[in-house]
């Protein structure tokens, strides 16, 4: 398997692992706190974020910014994986 694909697969697995651990931690934390605390927190989040109308341009700009930020960090992690896996420079700088 070429190093380019191996680097991308490694980064995808690391991101998936981190997200899975985060979700598991959140579920365990709210499990310890109980149903009433969870429901109160969800009600607070709904009142703060969902009940307030948002403009379409705000949603579009925020989504574009978040996507660019995610892609930046993803590419940064891939570059680090290439360095760790000793990928040839022609592969890591190629578009």
PDB file of N, CA and C in Angstrom:
ATOM      1  N   UNK A   1       0.862  -1.177   0.000  1.00  0.00           N
ATOM      2  CA  UNK A   1       0.000   0.000   0.000  1.00  0.00           C
ATOM      3  C   UNK A   1       0.902   1.232   0.000  1.00  0.00           C
ATOM      4  N   UNK A   2       0.561   2.241  -0.792  1.00  0.00           N
ATOM      5  CA  UNK A   2       1.431   3.404  -0.840  1.00  0.00           C
ATOM      6  C   UNK A   2       1.298   4.254   0.426  1.00  0.00           C
ATOM      7  N   UNK A   3       2.314   5.042   0.705  1.00  0.00           N
ATOM      8  CA  UNK A   3       2.369   5.813   1.948  1.00  0.00           C
ATOM      9  C   UNK A   3       1.343   6.930   1.981  1.00  0.00           C
ATOM     10  N   UNK A   4       0.964   7.434   0.820  1.00  0.00           N
ATOM     11  CA  UNK A   4      -0.035   8.501   0.757  1.00  0.00           C
ATOM     12  C   UNK A   4      -1.361   8.010   1.334  1.00  0.00           C
ATOM     13  N   UNK A   5      -1.797   6.858   0.889  1.00  0.00           N
ATOM     14  CA  UNK A   5      -3.048   6.280   1.374  1.00  0.00           C
ATOM     15  C   UNK A   5      -2.924   5.851   2.832  1.00  0.00           C
ATOM     16  N   UNK A   6      -1.775   5.310   3.210  1.00  0.00           N
ATOM     17  CA  UNK A   6      -1.558   4.896   4.597  1.00  0.00           C
ATOM     18  C   UNK A   6      -1.629   6.088   5.535  1.00  0.00           C
ATOM     19  N   UNK A   7      -1.048   7.207   5.150  1.00  0.00           N
ATOM     20  CA  UNK A   7      -1.098   8.412   5.979  1.00  0.00           C
ATOM     21  C   UNK A   7      -2.515   8.915   6.155  1.00  0.00           C
ATOM     22  N   UNK A   8      -3.282   8.946   5.078  1.00  0.00           N
ATOM     23  CA  UNK A   8      -4.670   9.408   5.164  1.00  0.00           C
ATOM     24  C   UNK A   8      -5.521   8.457   5.994  1.00  0.00           C
ATOM     25  N   UNK A   9      -5.303   7.152   5.847  1.00  0.00           N
ATOM     26  CA  UNK A   9      -6.061   6.189   6.639  1.00  0.00           C
ATOM     27  C   UNK A   9      -5.705   6.302   8.118  1.00  0.00           C
ATOM     28  N   UNK A  10      -4.445   6.522   8.416  1.00  0.00           N
ATOM     29  CA  UNK A  10      -4.018   6.680   9.804  1.00  0.00           C
ATOM     30  C   UNK A  10      -4.671   7.894  10.438  1.00  0.00           C
ATOM     31  N   UNK A  11      -4.678   9.005   9.733  1.00  0.00           N
ATOM     32  CA  UNK A  11      -5.299  10.224  10.260  1.00  0.00           C
ATOM     33  C   UNK A  11      -6.806  10.031  10.434  1.00  0.00           C
ATOM     34  N   UNK A  12      -7.458   9.387   9.472  1.00  0.00           N
ATOM     35  CA  UNK A  12      -8.900   9.142   9.590  1.00  0.00           C
ATOM     36  C   UNK A  12      -9.196   8.256  10.801  1.00  0.00           C
ATOM     37  N   UNK A  13      -8.367   7.244  11.038  1.00  0.00           N
ATOM     38  CA  UNK A  13      -8.556   6.378  12.200  1.00  0.00           C
ATOM     39  C   UNK A  13      -8.335   7.140  13.504  1.00  0.00           C
ATOM     40  N   UNK A  14      -7.338   8.004  13.545  1.00  0.00           N
ATOM     41  CA  UNK A  14      -7.069   8.792  14.762  1.00  0.00           C
ATOM     42  C   UNK A  14      -8.228   9.744  15.041  1.00  0.00           C
ATOM     43  N   UNK A  15      -8.720  10.423  14.017  1.00  0.00           N
ATOM     44  CA  UNK A  15      -9.849  11.335  14.208  1.00  0.00           C
ATOM     45  C   UNK A  15     -11.082  10.551  14.662  1.00  0.00           C
ATOM     46  N   UNK A  16     -11.349   9.414  14.053  1.00  0.00           N
ATOM     47  CA  UNK A  16     -12.480   8.588  14.460  1.00  0.00           C
ATOM     48  C   UNK A  16     -12.344   8.099  15.893  1.00  0.00           C
ATOM     49  N   UNK A  17     -11.139   7.698  16.269  1.00  0.00           N
ATOM     50  CA  UNK A  17     -10.892   7.242  17.635  1.00  0.00           C
ATOM     51  C   UNK A  17     -11.121   8.370  18.633  1.00  0.00           C
ATOM     52  N   UNK A  18     -10.616   9.556  18.337  1.00  0.00           N
ATOM     53  CA  UNK A  18     -10.794  10.694  19.246  1.00  0.00           C
ATOM     54  C   UNK A  18     -12.266  11.089  19.376  1.00  0.00           C
ATOM     55  N   UNK A  19     -12.992  11.093  18.266  1.00  0.00           N
ATOM     56  CA  UNK A  19     -14.416  11.420  18.332  1.00  0.00           C
ATOM     57  C   UNK A  19     -15.198  10.353  19.103  1.00  0.00           C
ATOM     58  N   UNK A  20     -14.857   9.099  18.888  1.00  0.00           N
ATOM     59  CA  UNK A  20     -15.511   8.017  19.616  1.00  0.00           C
ATOM     60  C   UNK A  20     -15.249   8.095  21.115  1.00  0.00           C
ATOM     61  N   UNK A  21     -14.003   8.385  21.487  1.00  0.00           N
ATOM     62  CA  UNK A  21     -13.680   8.536  22.909  1.00  0.00           C
ATOM     63  C   UNK A  21     -14.411   9.727  23.522  1.00  0.00           C
ATOM     64  N   UNK A  22     -14.529  10.806  22.760  1.00  0.00           N
ATOM     65  CA  UNK A  22     -15.239  11.986  23.246  1.00  0.00           C
ATOM     66  C   UNK A  22     -16.719  11.688  23.475  1.00  0.00           C
ATOM     67  N   UNK A  23     -17.344  11.002  22.545  1.00  0.00           N
ATOM     68  CA  UNK A  23     -18.762  10.646  22.684  1.00  0.00           C
ATOM     69  C   UNK A  23     -18.954   9.689  23.864  1.00  0.00           C
ATOM     70  N   UNK A  24     -18.058   8.716  23.998  1.00  0.00           N
ATOM     71  CA  UNK A  24     -18.157   7.772  25.102  1.00  0.00           C
ATOM     72  C   UNK A  24     -17.993   8.490  26.448  1.00  0.00           C
ATOM     73  N   UNK A  25     -17.046   9.419  26.517  1.00  0.00           N
ATOM     74  CA  UNK A  25     -16.843  10.182  27.756  1.00  0.00           C
ATOM     75  C   UNK A  25     -18.078  11.008  28.093  1.00  0.00           C
ATOM     76  N   UNK A  26     -18.660  11.653  27.101  1.00  0.00           N
ATOM     77  CA  UNK A  26     -19.860  12.463  27.315  1.00  0.00           C
ATOM     78  C   UNK A  26     -21.023  11.605  27.805  1.00  0.00           C
ATOM     79  N   UNK A  27     -21.216  10.442  27.177  1.00  0.00           N
ATOM     80  CA  UNK A  27     -22.290   9.540  27.605  1.00  0.00           C
ATOM     81  C   UNK A  27     -22.077   9.049  29.035  1.00  0.00           C
ATOM     82  N   UNK A  28     -20.838   8.710  29.377  1.00  0.00           N
ATOM     83  CA  UNK A  28     -20.543   8.242  30.734  1.00  0.00           C
ATOM     84  C   UNK A  28     -20.749   9.366  31.750  1.00  0.00           C
ATOM     85  N   UNK A  29     -20.341  10.586  31.398  1.00  0.00           N
ATOM     86  CA  UNK A  29     -20.493  11.728  32.302  1.00  0.00           C
ATOM     87  C   UNK A  29     -21.968  12.007  32.582  1.00  0.00           C
ATOM     88  N   UNK A  30     -22.793  12.052  31.534  1.00  0.00           N
ATOM     89  CA  UNK A  30     -24.211  12.326  31.743  1.00  0.00           C
ATOM     90  C   UNK A  30     -24.913  11.140  32.403  1.00  0.00           C
ATOM     91  N   UNK A  31     -24.388   9.930  32.206  1.00  0.00           N
ATOM     92  CA  UNK A  31     -24.930   8.775  32.901  1.00  0.00           C
ATOM     93  C   UNK A  31     -24.720   8.878  34.408  1.00  0.00           C
ATOM     94  N   UNK A  32     -23.560   9.403  34.808  1.00  0.00           N
ATOM     95  CA  UNK A  32     -23.284   9.586  36.233  1.00  0.00           C
ATOM     96  C   UNK A  32     -24.115  10.716  36.835  1.00  0.00           C
ATOM     97  N   UNK A  33     -24.346  11.765  36.055  1.00  0.00           N
ATOM     98  CA  UNK A  33     -25.079  12.924  36.571  1.00  0.00           C
ATOM     99  C   UNK A  33     -26.580  12.668  36.698  1.00  0.00           C
ATOM    100  N   UNK A  34     -27.110  11.795  35.875  1.00  0.00           N
ATOM    101  CA  UNK A  34     -28.517  11.446  35.978  1.00  0.00           C
ATOM    102  C   UNK A  34     -29.388  12.094  34.917  1.00  0.00           C
ATOM    103  N   UNK A  35     -30.614  11.590  34.844  1.00  0.00           N
ATOM    104  CA  UNK A  35     -31.564  12.005  33.814  1.00  0.00           C
ATOM    105  C   UNK A  35     -31.982  13.458  33.966  1.00  0.00           C
ATOM    106  N   UNK A  36     -32.263  13.891  35.178  1.00  0.00           N
ATOM    107  CA  UNK A  36     -32.746  15.258  35.393  1.00  0.00           C
ATOM    108  C   UNK A  36     -31.690  16.293  35.007  1.00  0.00           C
ATOM    109  N   UNK A  37     -30.441  16.030  35.353  1.00  0.00           N
ATOM    110  CA  UNK A  37     -29.363  16.956  34.989  1.00  0.00           C
ATOM    111  C   UNK A  37     -29.203  17.007  33.469  1.00  0.00           C
ATOM    112  N   UNK A  38     -29.310  15.844  32.817  1.00  0.00           N
ATOM    113  CA  UNK A  38     -29.195  15.791  31.363  1.00  0.00           C
ATOM    114  C   UNK A  38     -30.333  16.572  30.700  1.00  0.00           C
ATOM    115  N   UNK A  39     -31.549  16.363  31.179  1.00  0.00           N
ATOM    116  CA  UNK A  39     -32.699  17.053  30.593  1.00  0.00           C
ATOM    117  C   UNK A  39     -32.614  18.557  30.822  1.00  0.00           C
ATOM    118  N   UNK A  40     -32.153  18.996  31.990  1.00  0.00           N
ATOM    119  CA  UNK A  40     -31.995  20.424  32.262  1.00  0.00           C
ATOM    120  C   UNK A  40     -30.937  21.028  31.337  1.00  0.00           C
ATOM    121  N   UNK A  41     -29.852  20.296  31.109  1.00  0.00           N
ATOM    122  CA  UNK A  41     -28.800  20.779  30.215  1.00  0.00           C
ATOM    123  C   UNK A  41     -29.303  20.884  28.779  1.00  0.00           C
ATOM    124  N   UNK A  42     -30.040  19.878  28.319  1.00  0.00           N
ATOM    125  CA  UNK A  42     -30.591  19.906  26.971  1.00  0.00           C
ATOM    126  C   UNK A  42     -31.589  21.050  26.800  1.00  0.00           C
ATOM    127  N   UNK A  43     -32.398  21.302  27.816  1.00  0.00           N
ATOM    128  CA  UNK A  43     -33.336  22.420  27.759  1.00  0.00           C
ATOM    129  C   UNK A  43     -32.587  23.753  27.663  1.00  0.00           C
ATOM    130  N   UNK A  44     -31.510  23.869  28.423  1.00  0.00           N
ATOM    131  CA  UNK A  44     -30.688  25.081  28.372  1.00  0.00           C
ATOM    132  C   UNK A  44     -30.096  25.270  26.967  1.00  0.00           C
ATOM    133  N   UNK A  45     -29.557  24.187  26.387  1.00  0.00           N
ATOM    134  CA  UNK A  45     -28.990  24.280  25.042  1.00  0.00           C
ATOM    135  C   UNK A  45     -30.052  24.641  24.010  1.00  0.00           C
ATOM    136  N   UNK A  46     -31.235  24.058  24.136  1.00  0.00           N
ATOM    137  CA  UNK A  46     -32.304  24.371  23.198  1.00  0.00           C
ATOM    138  C   UNK A  46     -32.678  25.845  23.295  1.00  0.00           C
ATOM    139  N   UNK A  47     -32.868  26.347  24.514  1.00  0.00           N
ATOM    140  CA  UNK A  47     -33.249  27.750  24.696  1.00  0.00           C
ATOM    141  C   UNK A  47     -32.171  28.702  24.210  1.00  0.00           C
ATOM    142  N   UNK A  48     -30.917  28.318  24.358  1.00  0.00           N
ATOM    143  CA  UNK A  48     -29.821  29.210  23.976  1.00  0.00           C
ATOM    144  C   UNK A  48     -29.550  29.206  22.476  1.00  0.00           C
ATOM    145  N   UNK A  49     -29.631  28.037  21.845  1.00  0.00           N
ATOM    146  CA  UNK A  49     -29.206  27.937  20.446  1.00  0.00           C
ATOM    147  C   UNK A  49     -30.341  27.659  19.457  1.00  0.00           C
ATOM    148  N   UNK A  50     -31.293  26.815  19.784  1.00  0.00           N
ATOM    149  CA  UNK A  50     -32.290  26.392  18.808  1.00  0.00           C
ATOM    150  C   UNK A  50     -33.531  27.261  18.788  1.00  0.00           C
ATOM    151  N   UNK A  51     -33.907  27.829  19.911  1.00  0.00           N
ATOM    152  CA  UNK A  51     -35.128  28.625  19.969  1.00  0.00           C
ATOM    153  C   UNK A  51     -34.937  30.010  19.356  1.00  0.00           C
ATOM    154  N   UNK A  52     -33.687  30.444  19.235  1.00  0.00           N
ATOM    155  CA  UNK A  52     -33.384  31.767  18.688  1.00  0.00           C
ATOM    156  C   UNK A  52     -33.250  31.638  17.169  1.00  0.00           C
ATOM    157  N   UNK A  53     -33.957  32.475  16.402  1.00  0.00           N
ATOM    158  CA  UNK A  53     -33.822  32.389  14.940  1.00  0.00           C
ATOM    159  C   UNK A  53     -32.426  32.842  14.482  1.00  0.00           C
ATOM    160  N   UNK A  54     -31.893  32.143  13.504  1.00  0.00           N
ATOM    161  CA  UNK A  54     -30.582  32.464  12.946  1.00  0.00           C
ATOM    162  C   UNK A  54     -30.750  32.891  11.495  1.00  0.00           C
ATOM    163  N   UNK A  55     -29.913  33.829  11.061  1.00  0.00           N
ATOM    164  CA  UNK A  55     -29.974  34.274   9.674  1.00  0.00           C
ATOM    165  C   UNK A  55     -29.282  33.248   8.777  1.00  0.00           C
ATOM    166  N   UNK A  56     -29.731  33.165   7.548  1.00  0.00           N
ATOM    167  CA  UNK A  56     -29.147  32.211   6.602  1.00  0.00           C
ATOM    168  C   UNK A  56     -27.694  32.532   6.318  1.00  0.00           C
ATOM    169  N   UNK A  57     -27.374  33.816   6.183  1.00  0.00           N
ATOM    170  CA  UNK A  57     -25.989  34.192   5.879  1.00  0.00           C
ATOM    171  C   UNK A  57     -25.073  33.844   7.046  1.00  0.00           C
ATOM    172  N   UNK A  58     -25.573  33.970   8.265  1.00  0.00           N
ATOM    173  CA  UNK A  58     -24.779  33.600   9.435  1.00  0.00           C
ATOM    174  C   UNK A  58     -24.489  32.113   9.470  1.00  0.00           C
ATOM    175  N   UNK A  59     -25.491  31.309   9.131  1.00  0.00           N
ATOM    176  CA  UNK A  59     -25.309  29.857   9.107  1.00  0.00           C
ATOM    177  C   UNK A  59     -24.324  29.463   8.010  1.00  0.00           C
ATOM    178  N   UNK A  60     -24.437  30.095   6.846  1.00  0.00           N
ATOM    179  CA  UNK A  60     -23.547  29.777   5.727  1.00  0.00           C
ATOM    180  C   UNK A  60     -22.108  30.162   6.067  1.00  0.00           C
ATOM    181  N   UNK A  61     -21.906  31.354   6.608  1.00  0.00           N
ATOM    182  CA  UNK A  61     -20.553  31.802   6.953  1.00  0.00           C
ATOM    183  C   UNK A  61     -19.943  30.951   8.057  1.00  0.00           C
ATOM    184  N   UNK A  62     -20.718  30.620   9.061  1.00  0.00           N
ATOM    185  CA  UNK A  62     -20.215  29.790  10.153  1.00  0.00           C
ATOM    186  C   UNK A  62     -19.870  28.389   9.653  1.00  0.00           C
ATOM    187  N   UNK A  63     -20.707  27.828   8.800  1.00  0.00           N
ATOM    188  CA  UNK A  63     -20.438  26.502   8.244  1.00  0.00           C
ATOM    189  C   UNK A  63     -19.182  26.515   7.375  1.00  0.00           C
ATOM    190  N   UNK A  64     -19.018  27.540   6.554  1.00  0.00           N
ATOM    191  CA  UNK A  64     -17.835  27.640   5.700  1.00  0.00           C
ATOM    192  C   UNK A  64     -16.570  27.774   6.548  1.00  0.00           C
ATOM    193  N   UNK A  65     -16.630  28.593   7.589  1.00  0.00           N
ATOM    194  CA  UNK A  65     -15.481  28.769   8.468  1.00  0.00           C
ATOM    195  C   UNK A  65     -15.132  27.464   9.185  1.00  0.00           C
ATOM    196  N   UNK A  66     -16.128  26.774   9.714  1.00  0.00           N
ATOM    197  CA  UNK A  66     -15.888  25.511  10.421  1.00  0.00           C
ATOM    198  C   UNK A  66     -15.319  24.454   9.478  1.00  0.00           C
ATOM    199  N   UNK A  67     -15.816  24.411   8.246  1.00  0.00           N
ATOM    200  CA  UNK A  67     -15.315  23.454   7.262  1.00  0.00           C
ATOM    201  C   UNK A  67     -13.860  23.743   6.913  1.00  0.00           C
ATOM    202  N   UNK A  68     -13.540  25.012   6.683  1.00  0.00           N
ATOM    203  CA  UNK A  68     -12.156  25.386   6.376  1.00  0.00           C
ATOM    204  C   UNK A  68     -11.227  25.055   7.543  1.00  0.00           C
ATOM    205  N   UNK A  69     -11.673  25.304   8.750  1.00  0.00           N
ATOM    206  CA  UNK A  69     -10.878  25.002   9.935  1.00  0.00           C
ATOM    207  C   UNK A  69     -10.638  23.498  10.065  1.00  0.00           C
ATOM    208  N   UNK A  70     -11.677  22.688   9.841  1.00  0.00           N
ATOM    209  CA  UNK A  70     -11.522  21.236   9.902  1.00  0.00           C
ATOM    210  C   UNK A  70     -10.564  20.744   8.836  1.00  0.00           C
ATOM    211  N   UNK A  71     -10.701  21.229   7.611  1.00  0.00           N
ATOM    212  CA  UNK A  71      -9.821  20.795   6.519  1.00  0.00           C
ATOM    213  C   UNK A  71      -8.380  21.199   6.804  1.00  0.00           C
ATOM    214  N   UNK A  72      -8.172  22.397   7.367  1.00  0.00           N
ATOM    215  CA  UNK A  72      -6.821  22.851   7.711  1.00  0.00           C
ATOM    216  C   UNK A  72      -6.167  21.886   8.698  1.00  0.00           C
ATOM    217  N   UNK A  73      -6.879  21.548   9.786  1.00  0.00           N
ATOM    218  CA  UNK A  73      -6.307  20.653  10.780  1.00  0.00           C
ATOM    219  C   UNK A  73      -6.153  19.229  10.244  1.00  0.00           C
ATOM    220  N   UNK A  74      -7.061  18.796   9.392  1.00  0.00           N
ATOM    221  CA  UNK A  74      -6.946  17.475   8.770  1.00  0.00           C
ATOM    222  C   UNK A  74      -5.690  17.398   7.910  1.00  0.00           C
ATOM    223  N   UNK A  75      -5.469  18.406   7.086  1.00  0.00           N
ATOM    224  CA  UNK A  75      -4.279  18.425   6.234  1.00  0.00           C
ATOM    225  C   UNK A  75      -3.009  18.541   7.065  1.00  0.00           C
ATOM    226  N   UNK A  76      -3.072  19.282   8.164  1.00  0.00           N
ATOM    227  CA  UNK A  76      -1.928  19.394   9.060  1.00  0.00           C
ATOM    228  C   UNK A  76      -1.603  18.031   9.682  1.00  0.00           C
ATOM    229  N   UNK A  77      -2.625  17.288  10.079  1.00  0.00           N
ATOM    230  CA  UNK A  77      -2.403  15.945  10.612  1.00  0.00           C
ATOM    231  C   UNK A  77      -1.854  14.998   9.549  1.00  0.00           C
ATOM    232  N   UNK A  78      -2.324  15.127   8.325  1.00  0.00           N
ATOM    233  CA  UNK A  78      -1.809  14.284   7.240  1.00  0.00           C
ATOM    234  C   UNK A  78      -0.336  14.594   6.988  1.00  0.00           C
ATOM    235  N   UNK A  79       0.021  15.866   7.010  1.00  0.00           N
ATOM    236  CA  UNK A  79       1.420  16.237   6.831  1.00  0.00           C
ATOM    237  C   UNK A  79       2.276  15.630   7.934  1.00  0.00           C
ATOM    238  N   UNK A  80       1.774  15.670   9.171  1.00  0.00           N
ATOM    239  CA  UNK A  80       2.499  15.034  10.275  1.00  0.00           C
ATOM    240  C   UNK A  80       2.613  13.529  10.089  1.00  0.00           C
ATOM    241  N   UNK A  81       1.554  12.894   9.598  1.00  0.00           N
ATOM    242  CA  UNK A  81       1.597  11.451   9.348  1.00  0.00           C
ATOM    243  C   UNK A  81       2.597  11.128   8.253  1.00  0.00           C
ATOM    244  N   UNK A  82       2.681  11.964   7.230  1.00  0.00           N
ATOM    245  CA  UNK A  82       3.669  11.750   6.167  1.00  0.00           C
ATOM    246  C   UNK A  82       5.081  11.835   6.728  1.00  0.00           C
ATOM    247  N   UNK A  83       5.303  12.785   7.611  1.00  0.00           N
ATOM    248  CA  UNK A  83       6.635  12.934   8.208  1.00  0.00           C
ATOM    249  C   UNK A  83       6.978  11.716   9.071  1.00  0.00           C
ATOM    250  N   UNK A  84       5.995  11.228   9.811  1.00  0.00           N
ATOM    251  CA  UNK A  84       6.233  10.067  10.671  1.00  0.00           C
ATOM    252  C   UNK A  84       6.462   8.813   9.836  1.00  0.00           C
ATOM    253  N   UNK A  85       5.684   8.649   8.767  1.00  0.00           N
ATOM    254  CA  UNK A  85       5.809   7.466   7.913  1.00  0.00           C
ATOM    255  C   UNK A  85       6.921   7.596   6.880  1.00  0.00           C
ATOM    256  N   UNK A  86       7.649   8.699   6.912  1.00  0.00           N
ATOM    257  CA  UNK A  86       8.765   8.954   5.989  1.00  0.00           C
ATOM    258  C   UNK A  86       8.336   8.897   4.530  1.00  0.00           C
ATOM    259  N   UNK A  87       7.227   9.586   4.218  1.00  0.00           N
ATOM    260  CA  UNK A  87       6.763   9.631   2.830  1.00  0.00           C
ATOM    261  C   UNK A  87       7.720  10.482   2.004  1.00  0.00           C
ATOM    262  N   UNK A  88       7.905  10.117   0.772  1.00  0.00           N
ATOM    263  CA  UNK A  88       8.778  10.930  -0.099  1.00  0.00           C
ATOM    264  C   UNK A  88       8.214  12.342  -0.252  1.00  0.00           C
ATOM    265  N   UNK A  89       9.052  13.370  -0.335  1.00  0.00           N
ATOM    266  CA  UNK A  89       8.560  14.748  -0.451  1.00  0.00           C
ATOM    267  C   UNK A  89       7.669  14.989  -1.665  1.00  0.00           C
ATOM    268  N   UNK A  90       7.887  14.247  -2.752  1.00  0.00           N
ATOM    269  CA  UNK A  90       7.063  14.461  -3.944  1.00  0.00           C
ATOM    270  C   UNK A  90       5.610  14.073  -3.701  1.00  0.00           C
ATOM    271  N   UNK A  91       5.345  13.139  -2.812  1.00  0.00           N
ATOM    272  CA  UNK A  91       3.992  12.724  -2.513  1.00  0.00           C
ATOM    273  C   UNK A  91       3.321  13.708  -1.564  1.00  0.00           C
ATOM    274  N   UNK A  92       4.058  14.128  -0.508  1.00  0.00           N
ATOM    275  CA  UNK A  92       3.439  14.962   0.515  1.00  0.00           C
ATOM    276  C   UNK A  92       3.160  16.377   0.033  1.00  0.00           C
ATOM    277  N   UNK A  93       3.862  16.862  -1.002  1.00  0.00           N
ATOM    278  CA  UNK A  93       3.602  18.207  -1.506  1.00  0.00           C
ATOM    279  C   UNK A  93       2.750  18.205  -2.767  1.00  0.00           C
ATOM    280  N   UNK A  94       2.454  17.026  -3.298  1.00  0.00           N
ATOM    281  CA  UNK A  94       1.681  16.908  -4.537  1.00  0.00           C
ATOM    282  C   UNK A  94       0.216  17.188  -4.285  1.00  0.00           C
ATOM    283  N   UNK A  95      -0.459  17.850  -5.200  1.00  0.00           N
ATOM    284  CA  UNK A  95      -1.914  18.131  -5.090  1.00  0.00           C
ATOM    285  C   UNK A  95      -2.645  17.393  -6.140  1.00  0.00           C
TER     286      UNK A  95
END
